[in-house]
Amino acid sequence: MDLQDAIKLTENIIYLDNAATVYPKPPEVMDRMVELYKLYGVNPGRSGYDLCLIGGDLVEEARGLLCGFFGGNHPERLCFAYNASEALNILIQGMAEPGCHVISTTVEHNSTIRPLNHLAKDGVIEEVTYIPTGPQGYVDPDDVREAFRANTRLVVVNHGSNVIGTIQPITEIGAIAHEHGARFIVDTAQTAGVVPIHVAKMNIDALAFTGHKSLLGPTGIGGLYVRDGVEVRHTRAGGTGVESAYPYQLDQYPYRLEIGTGNVLGIVGLHLAQRYLTRRTLDSIYRHEMQIFKVLQDGIEAIPGVTIHGSKSLDDRLPVLSITVDGFDPSDVGTMLDADYNIACRTGLQCAPLIHEQMGTSPRGTVRLSVGPMNELDHVEAAVKAVQEIAEMGAQRR
């Protein structure tokens, strides 16, 4: 496909894969990001000339904005990474105590499941207990409480499911973790930029975020926040731009967890996106998305031969819908939506195999339709019509 064909395709696409990444991003974020990078895209914190100082100021301003966004009060403890997956690896490997027991859930993404499983397989930790959700996809805090052992030292929970959209009761789970002397890590990949998050009020010790989803930045940027009084062990070492004669990784934040040259372009994008989110407000974005999502879910629910997996409630929910269509493999439905209707969606296990095993949709998975801030009513109406036509074809095949 040449560039002109690609441009033509994007002009007509109905994009419902926002749980993977929000698309398109606000032009005022992307365009200004490139402009600023052209002006100040040097290596911040490494030298004292004016361009370097200005670039450093942009990075530190972004750090402060994001710290406040998550309810933190120590900007230096907001550390940048490439994405939530890297941030979760840093936190899990740096906070899991040798020989300890860890509690997590079946709604986790592989960004949590795989690091934990590797630690258990390698004998670093004793075991991981994955708490199943209830029938509607919500974790019962009492089930978490009952899973604690004498050596449980870490709890890791996905705030919002990328498969079924359920938002977990992390405030209650965090309180239980603290009652038992355990640390609490939260994966906010799906919720940051959609619903308010406050580390202190929600009993969060450390959180991981990604920038390219509802925080409206580019890919390749994310990070973590570590609450004051909580420490994360060094798991990596490298350049910091300061105290270069010191032979070990620095203990102070952010240098404790940041190594090498950061993604300055991505950080500038997050800086600008924070200002966009402030202007538009999380509440207005969430209301917009859920109003459209209700039309999508109600329309899909009325189609014979289509099954909605997970909760149908709009409370404590993200605009993410997982479905299967009788008579078709989910991958075939995704192909038809793409080829015949120019609708972009996600099919398969969505990097979250445990929830699919629990729902009985493994190994083929589901078709996931996810609404974002740039979607409009006509997008979901077109999706409902397309799924209905596909379901009618499926009925004819049975």
Protein backbone atom coordinates (compact mmCIF):
# COMPACT_ATOMS: atom_id res chain seq x y z
CA MET A 1 0.00 0.00 0.00
CA ASP A 2 1.47 3.36 -1.01
CA LEU A 3 1.20 6.54 1.04
CA GLN A 4 -1.77 7.95 -0.86
CA ASP A 5 -3.76 4.74 -0.42
CA ALA A 6 -2.93 4.77 3.29
CA ILE A 7 -4.09 8.37 3.64
CA LYS A 8 -7.34 7.55 1.85
CA LEU A 9 -7.91 4.58 4.16
CA THR A 10 -7.47 6.62 7.32
CA GLU A 11 -9.90 9.27 6.08
CA ASN A 12 -12.76 6.76 6.10
CA ILE A 13 -11.83 4.41 8.92
CA ILE A 14 -14.16 3.81 11.86
CA TYR A 15 -11.69 3.26 14.67
CA LEU A 16 -12.96 1.22 17.63
CA ASP A 17 -9.67 -0.10 19.00
CA ASN A 18 -8.99 2.62 21.55
CA ALA A 19 -8.17 0.12 24.31
CA ALA A 20 -5.06 -0.70 22.24
CA THR A 21 -4.20 2.94 21.62
CA VAL A 22 -6.30 6.07 21.25
CA TYR A 23 -6.53 7.15 17.61
CA PRO A 24 -6.45 9.78 16.32
CA LYS A 25 -4.68 11.90 18.89
CA PRO A 26 -5.72 15.56 19.25
CA PRO A 27 -3.97 17.51 16.46
CA GLU A 28 -3.10 20.33 18.86
CA VAL A 29 -1.12 17.81 20.90
CA MET A 30 0.64 16.02 18.04
CA ASP A 31 1.40 19.09 15.92
CA ARG A 32 2.71 21.17 18.81
CA MET A 33 4.71 18.20 20.12
CA VAL A 34 6.66 18.00 16.86
CA GLU A 35 7.15 21.77 16.79
CA LEU A 36 8.62 21.81 20.29
CA TYR A 37 10.82 18.80 19.60
CA LYS A 38 12.21 20.51 16.53
CA LEU A 39 13.13 23.48 18.71
CA TYR A 40 14.31 21.79 21.90
CA GLY A 41 14.89 18.13 21.06
CA VAL A 42 18.34 17.88 22.66
CA ASN A 43 19.43 15.65 25.55
CA PRO A 44 18.02 17.26 28.73
CA GLY A 45 19.98 17.19 31.97
CA ARG A 46 23.30 16.44 30.27
CA SER A 47 24.72 19.91 29.66
CA GLY A 48 24.31 23.54 30.67
CA TYR A 49 23.68 25.32 27.38
CA ASP A 50 20.37 27.09 26.87
CA LEU A 51 18.71 24.52 24.59
CA CYS A 52 19.50 21.76 27.06
CA LEU A 53 18.12 23.76 29.97
CA ILE A 54 14.88 24.53 28.13
CA GLY A 55 14.49 20.88 27.15
CA GLY A 56 15.06 19.91 30.76
CA ASP A 57 12.44 22.38 31.92
CA LEU A 58 9.88 20.81 29.56
CA VAL A 59 10.62 17.36 30.95
CA GLU A 60 10.40 18.50 34.57
CA GLU A 61 7.19 20.42 33.92
CA ALA A 62 5.67 17.25 32.46
CA ARG A 63 6.87 15.30 35.50
CA GLY A 64 5.15 17.79 37.80
CA LEU A 65 1.92 17.83 35.83
CA LEU A 66 1.68 14.03 35.82
CA CYS A 67 2.55 13.82 39.50
CA GLY A 68 -0.36 16.14 40.29
CA PHE A 69 -2.61 14.28 37.87
CA PHE A 70 -2.16 11.10 39.93
CA GLY A 71 -2.57 12.89 43.25
CA GLY A 72 1.10 12.68 44.12
CA ASN A 73 3.09 15.30 45.97
CA HIS A 74 6.66 14.33 45.10
CA PRO A 75 7.33 15.03 41.39
CA GLU A 76 10.75 13.38 41.54
CA ARG A 77 8.98 10.09 42.27
CA LEU A 78 7.20 10.26 38.90
CA CYS A 79 9.60 8.28 36.73
CA PHE A 80 9.35 7.88 32.97
CA ALA A 81 9.52 4.56 31.13
CA TYR A 82 8.67 3.36 27.64
CA ASN A 83 5.18 2.13 28.54
CA ALA A 84 3.13 0.51 31.29
CA SER A 85 4.67 -2.90 30.55
CA GLU A 86 8.17 -1.66 31.32
CA ALA A 87 6.90 0.26 34.35
CA LEU A 88 5.19 -2.85 35.74
CA ASN A 89 8.37 -4.88 35.26
CA ILE A 90 10.36 -2.25 37.14
CA LEU A 91 7.86 -2.16 39.99
CA ILE A 92 7.19 -5.89 40.30
CA GLN A 93 10.85 -6.89 40.12
CA GLY A 94 11.84 -4.06 42.43
CA MET A 95 9.15 -4.59 45.08
CA ALA A 96 8.64 -8.37 45.28
CA GLU A 97 10.51 -9.72 48.30
CA PRO A 98 12.46 -12.98 47.91
CA GLY A 99 10.36 -15.95 49.02
CA CYS A 100 7.16 -13.94 49.34
CA HIS A 101 3.64 -14.77 48.22
CA VAL A 102 1.96 -12.38 45.73
CA ILE A 103 -1.74 -11.79 45.10
CA SER A 104 -3.09 -10.67 41.73
CA THR A 105 -6.28 -11.23 39.69
CA THR A 106 -7.56 -12.94 36.57
CA VAL A 107 -8.24 -9.61 34.84
CA GLU A 108 -4.53 -8.87 34.56
CA HIS A 109 -2.69 -8.09 31.36
CA ASN A 110 0.38 -10.15 30.43
CA SER A 111 2.43 -7.13 31.51
CA THR A 112 1.66 -8.28 35.05
CA ILE A 113 1.11 -12.01 34.57
CA ARG A 114 4.39 -12.75 32.84
CA PRO A 115 6.75 -10.88 35.21
CA LEU A 116 5.05 -12.51 38.19
CA ASN A 117 5.14 -15.97 36.62
CA HIS A 118 8.83 -15.58 35.78
CA LEU A 119 9.61 -14.63 39.38
CA ALA A 120 7.73 -17.71 40.60
CA LYS A 121 9.30 -19.99 37.99
CA ASP A 122 12.79 -18.75 38.87
CA GLY A 123 12.18 -19.28 42.58
CA VAL A 124 12.45 -15.59 43.48
CA ILE A 125 8.94 -15.59 44.96
CA GLU A 126 7.06 -18.52 46.45
CA GLU A 127 3.82 -18.35 44.47
CA VAL A 128 1.25 -16.11 42.81
CA THR A 129 -2.46 -16.40 43.63
CA TYR A 130 -4.73 -15.07 40.88
CA ILE A 131 -8.11 -14.10 42.34
CA PRO A 132 -10.99 -14.82 39.94
CA THR A 133 -13.63 -12.20 39.26
CA GLY A 134 -17.30 -12.61 39.97
CA PRO A 135 -19.73 -13.38 37.12
CA GLN A 136 -19.83 -9.73 36.05
CA GLY A 137 -16.06 -9.29 35.97
CA TYR A 138 -15.46 -7.55 39.31
CA VAL A 139 -13.06 -8.77 41.99
CA ASP A 140 -14.58 -9.15 45.46
CA PRO A 141 -12.26 -7.51 48.03
CA ASP A 142 -13.23 -10.23 50.52
CA ASP A 143 -11.74 -12.82 48.17
CA VAL A 144 -8.50 -10.85 48.23
CA ARG A 145 -8.60 -10.75 52.04
CA GLU A 146 -9.05 -14.53 52.23
CA ALA A 147 -6.06 -15.13 49.93
CA PHE A 148 -3.54 -13.53 52.28
CA ARG A 149 -0.84 -15.69 53.83
CA ALA A 150 1.71 -14.94 56.49
CA ASN A 151 4.31 -14.21 53.78
CA THR A 152 2.12 -12.18 51.39
CA ARG A 153 4.03 -8.99 50.69
CA LEU A 154 2.70 -7.71 47.36
CA VAL A 155 -0.68 -7.22 45.68
CA VAL A 156 -0.88 -6.24 41.99
CA VAL A 157 -4.21 -5.31 40.41
CA ASN A 158 -5.34 -4.05 37.00
CA HIS A 159 -7.51 -0.98 37.63
CA GLY A 160 -9.56 -1.38 34.44
CA SER A 161 -9.89 -4.50 32.28
CA ASN A 162 -8.81 -4.17 28.67
CA VAL A 163 -11.11 -7.10 27.78
CA ILE A 164 -14.43 -6.42 29.52
CA GLY A 165 -13.97 -2.88 30.80
CA THR A 166 -14.71 -3.50 34.48
CA ILE A 167 -13.13 -1.06 36.94
CA GLN A 168 -11.94 -2.86 40.05
CA PRO A 169 -12.52 -1.61 43.64
CA ILE A 170 -8.87 -0.74 44.15
CA THR A 171 -9.44 1.57 47.13
CA GLU A 172 -10.88 -1.32 49.14
CA ILE A 173 -8.27 -3.79 47.88
CA GLY A 174 -5.46 -1.38 48.73
CA ALA A 175 -6.81 -0.93 52.26
CA ILE A 176 -6.82 -4.70 52.75
CA ALA A 177 -3.25 -4.94 51.45
CA HIS A 178 -2.12 -2.31 53.96
CA GLU A 179 -3.97 -4.03 56.82
CA HIS A 180 -1.79 -7.08 56.13
CA GLY A 181 1.45 -5.15 55.71
CA ALA A 182 1.65 -5.68 51.94
CA ARG A 183 2.48 -3.21 49.19
CA PHE A 184 -0.09 -2.39 46.51
CA ILE A 185 0.75 -1.88 42.80
CA VAL A 186 -1.95 -0.72 40.36
CA ASP A 187 -1.88 -1.00 36.56
CA THR A 188 -3.63 2.13 35.23
CA ALA A 189 -2.97 1.52 31.53
CA GLN A 190 -6.69 1.59 30.69
CA THR A 191 -7.92 4.09 33.28
CA ALA A 192 -5.38 6.92 33.31
CA GLY A 193 -6.99 9.74 31.36
CA VAL A 194 -10.49 8.26 31.69
CA VAL A 195 -11.32 8.28 35.40
CA PRO A 196 -9.71 10.19 38.30
CA ILE A 197 -6.84 8.43 40.09
CA HIS A 198 -5.43 9.56 43.44
CA VAL A 199 -2.63 7.50 44.96
CA ALA A 200 -3.26 8.47 48.59
CA LYS A 201 -7.05 8.32 48.52
CA MET A 202 -6.97 4.97 46.70
CA ASN A 203 -4.32 3.39 48.95
CA ILE A 204 -1.91 2.96 46.03
CA ASP A 205 1.76 2.44 46.83
CA ALA A 206 2.93 2.48 43.22
CA LEU A 207 1.19 2.76 39.88
CA ALA A 208 2.16 2.14 36.27
CA PHE A 209 0.78 4.15 33.36
CA THR A 210 1.15 4.33 29.62
CA GLY A 211 1.04 7.52 27.60
CA HIS A 212 -0.38 6.43 24.27
CA LYS A 213 -3.87 5.46 25.39
CA SER A 214 -6.24 7.86 27.16
CA LEU A 215 -3.40 10.12 28.27
CA LEU A 216 -3.36 11.04 24.55
CA GLY A 217 0.39 11.02 24.03
CA PRO A 218 2.45 9.12 21.43
CA THR A 219 3.60 5.52 21.70
CA GLY A 220 6.88 4.72 23.44
CA ILE A 221 6.26 6.75 26.58
CA GLY A 222 4.80 5.84 29.96
CA GLY A 223 6.01 5.60 33.51
CA LEU A 224 5.32 5.00 37.16
CA TYR A 225 4.72 6.83 40.41
CA VAL A 226 6.05 5.60 43.75
CA ARG A 227 4.45 6.95 46.90
CA ASP A 228 6.63 8.60 49.53
CA GLY A 229 7.85 6.01 52.05
CA VAL A 230 7.78 3.18 49.51
CA GLU A 231 11.03 2.05 47.94
CA VAL A 232 11.73 0.14 44.74
CA ARG A 233 14.99 -1.77 44.43
CA HIS A 234 17.39 -1.06 41.58
CA THR A 235 16.88 -3.54 38.78
CA ARG A 236 18.82 -1.63 36.12
CA ALA A 237 21.77 0.73 36.00
CA GLY A 238 23.13 3.23 33.52
CA GLY A 239 23.63 6.85 32.65
CA THR A 240 21.81 9.58 34.56
CA GLY A 241 23.58 12.75 33.44
CA VAL A 242 24.53 13.65 37.03
CA GLU A 243 27.21 12.40 39.45
CA SER A 244 28.89 10.50 36.65
CA ALA A 245 31.89 9.57 38.83
CA TYR A 246 29.71 7.56 41.23
CA PRO A 247 30.19 3.86 40.32
CA TYR A 248 26.64 2.69 41.17
CA GLN A 249 23.10 3.64 40.27
CA LEU A 250 21.96 6.64 42.27
CA ASP A 251 19.48 6.06 45.09
CA GLN A 252 17.54 9.29 44.70
CA TYR A 253 14.50 9.55 42.46
CA PRO A 254 13.98 9.83 39.52
CA TYR A 255 17.53 8.62 38.79
CA ARG A 256 16.92 5.51 40.88
CA LEU A 257 14.54 4.16 38.21
CA GLU A 258 15.39 6.14 35.06
CA ILE A 259 18.42 5.22 32.99
CA GLY A 260 19.82 6.63 29.78
CA THR A 261 18.32 9.21 27.48
CA GLY A 262 14.56 9.36 27.82
CA ASN A 263 11.94 9.70 25.14
CA VAL A 264 11.95 13.49 25.05
CA LEU A 265 9.48 13.66 22.18
CA GLY A 266 7.05 11.44 24.08
CA ILE A 267 7.47 13.37 27.33
CA VAL A 268 6.75 16.64 25.52
CA GLY A 269 3.67 14.97 24.04
CA LEU A 270 2.46 14.00 27.50
CA HIS A 271 3.14 17.55 28.72
CA LEU A 272 0.89 18.98 26.02
CA ALA A 273 -1.72 16.23 26.43
CA GLN A 274 -1.99 17.04 30.14
CA ARG A 275 -2.97 20.57 29.24
CA TYR A 276 -5.50 19.26 26.69
CA LEU A 277 -7.05 16.94 29.30
CA THR A 278 -7.24 19.82 31.77
CA ARG A 279 -9.14 21.94 29.27
CA ARG A 280 -11.53 19.22 28.17
CA THR A 281 -11.74 17.59 31.67
CA LEU A 282 -11.86 13.89 32.48
CA ASP A 283 -15.52 14.11 33.43
CA SER A 284 -16.60 15.47 30.05
CA ILE A 285 -14.48 12.93 28.18
CA TYR A 286 -15.85 10.03 30.20
CA ARG A 287 -19.46 11.18 29.81
CA HIS A 288 -18.96 11.54 26.05
CA GLU A 289 -17.44 8.08 25.72
CA MET A 290 -20.04 6.34 27.87
CA GLN A 291 -22.99 7.99 26.12
CA ILE A 292 -21.73 6.65 22.82
CA PHE A 293 -20.83 3.31 24.38
CA LYS A 294 -24.37 2.85 25.71
CA VAL A 295 -25.70 3.10 22.16
CA LEU A 296 -23.12 0.53 21.06
CA GLN A 297 -23.85 -1.93 23.86
CA ASP A 298 -27.64 -1.57 23.66
CA GLY A 299 -27.55 -2.07 19.90
CA ILE A 300 -25.28 -5.12 20.07
CA GLU A 301 -27.29 -6.68 22.91
CA ALA A 302 -30.43 -6.63 20.74
CA ILE A 303 -28.82 -8.66 17.93
CA PRO A 304 -29.73 -12.39 17.96
CA GLY A 305 -26.72 -14.68 17.86
CA VAL A 306 -24.35 -12.20 19.51
CA THR A 307 -23.06 -12.74 23.05
CA ILE A 308 -21.71 -9.94 25.24
CA HIS A 309 -19.08 -11.17 27.69
CA GLY A 310 -18.74 -9.50 31.08
CA SER A 311 -20.86 -6.89 32.78
CA LYS A 312 -23.59 -4.99 30.94
CA SER A 313 -23.80 -2.40 33.69
CA LEU A 314 -22.51 1.07 32.88
CA ASP A 315 -21.38 1.64 36.48
CA ASP A 316 -17.68 1.23 37.33
CA ARG A 317 -17.06 0.55 33.70
CA LEU A 318 -14.86 1.57 30.79
CA PRO A 319 -16.25 1.82 27.22
CA VAL A 320 -14.90 -1.61 26.24
CA LEU A 321 -17.14 -4.35 24.82
CA SER A 322 -16.16 -7.98 24.17
CA ILE A 323 -18.47 -10.05 21.99
CA THR A 324 -18.68 -13.31 20.05
CA VAL A 325 -20.91 -14.00 17.05
CA ASP A 326 -22.48 -17.43 16.58
CA GLY A 327 -21.18 -19.23 13.50
CA PHE A 328 -17.93 -17.27 13.24
CA ASP A 329 -14.50 -17.34 14.77
CA PRO A 330 -13.68 -13.97 16.37
CA SER A 331 -10.78 -13.48 13.98
CA ASP A 332 -13.14 -13.92 11.02
CA VAL A 333 -15.51 -11.31 12.44
CA GLY A 334 -12.59 -8.92 12.83
CA THR A 335 -11.51 -9.52 9.25
CA MET A 336 -15.02 -8.86 7.93
CA LEU A 337 -15.37 -5.70 9.99
CA ASP A 338 -12.09 -4.48 8.55
CA ALA A 339 -12.40 -5.59 4.92
CA ASP A 340 -16.13 -5.06 4.37
CA TYR A 341 -16.95 -2.18 6.72
CA ASN A 342 -13.61 -0.42 7.34
CA ILE A 343 -14.08 -0.83 11.10
CA ALA A 344 -10.94 -1.34 13.17
CA CYS A 345 -11.24 -3.55 16.26
CA ARG A 346 -9.21 -6.11 18.23
CA THR A 347 -9.76 -9.87 18.24
CA GLY A 348 -8.24 -12.77 20.17
CA LEU A 349 -7.12 -12.89 23.80
CA GLN A 350 -6.08 -9.20 24.04
CA CYS A 351 -2.94 -10.16 26.02
CA ALA A 352 -5.13 -11.14 28.99
CA PRO A 353 -5.45 -14.95 28.85
CA LEU A 354 -6.66 -15.61 32.39
CA ILE A 355 -9.94 -13.71 32.09
CA HIS A 356 -10.67 -15.50 28.81
CA GLU A 357 -10.04 -18.86 30.50
CA GLN A 358 -12.44 -17.87 33.25
CA MET A 359 -15.12 -16.67 30.79
CA GLY A 360 -14.77 -19.76 28.59
CA THR A 361 -13.72 -17.73 25.55
CA SER A 362 -10.22 -19.20 25.40
CA PRO A 363 -8.37 -20.05 23.19
CA ARG A 364 -10.05 -18.09 20.37
CA GLY A 365 -10.96 -15.03 22.41
CA THR A 366 -13.48 -12.36 21.51
CA VAL A 367 -14.09 -9.38 19.26
CA ARG A 368 -13.31 -6.23 21.24
CA LEU A 369 -14.89 -2.88 20.36
CA SER A 370 -13.55 0.03 22.41
CA VAL A 371 -14.76 3.63 22.30
CA GLY A 372 -12.42 6.59 22.66
CA PRO A 373 -12.57 10.36 23.03
CA MET A 374 -12.54 10.99 19.28
CA ASN A 375 -15.44 8.67 18.44
CA GLU A 376 -18.85 10.00 17.49
CA LEU A 377 -22.34 8.53 17.52
CA ASP A 378 -22.31 7.57 13.84
CA HIS A 379 -19.23 5.39 14.43
CA VAL A 380 -20.99 3.09 16.89
CA GLU A 381 -24.20 3.09 14.86
CA ALA A 382 -22.21 1.84 11.88
CA ALA A 383 -20.62 -0.83 14.06
CA VAL A 384 -23.99 -2.07 15.32
CA LYS A 385 -25.28 -2.30 11.74
CA ALA A 386 -22.16 -4.18 10.63
CA VAL A 387 -22.33 -6.70 13.48
CA GLN A 388 -26.01 -7.26 12.79
CA GLU A 389 -25.32 -8.07 9.14
CA ILE A 390 -22.48 -10.41 10.11
CA ALA A 391 -24.71 -12.14 12.69
CA GLU A 392 -27.40 -12.63 10.03
CA MET A 393 -24.81 -14.32 7.82
CA GLY A 394 -23.82 -16.50 10.75
CA ALA A 395 -27.46 -17.55 11.27
CA GLN A 396 -27.69 -18.61 7.63
CA ARG A 397 -24.60 -20.80 8.02
CA ARG A 398 -25.96 -22.70 11.04
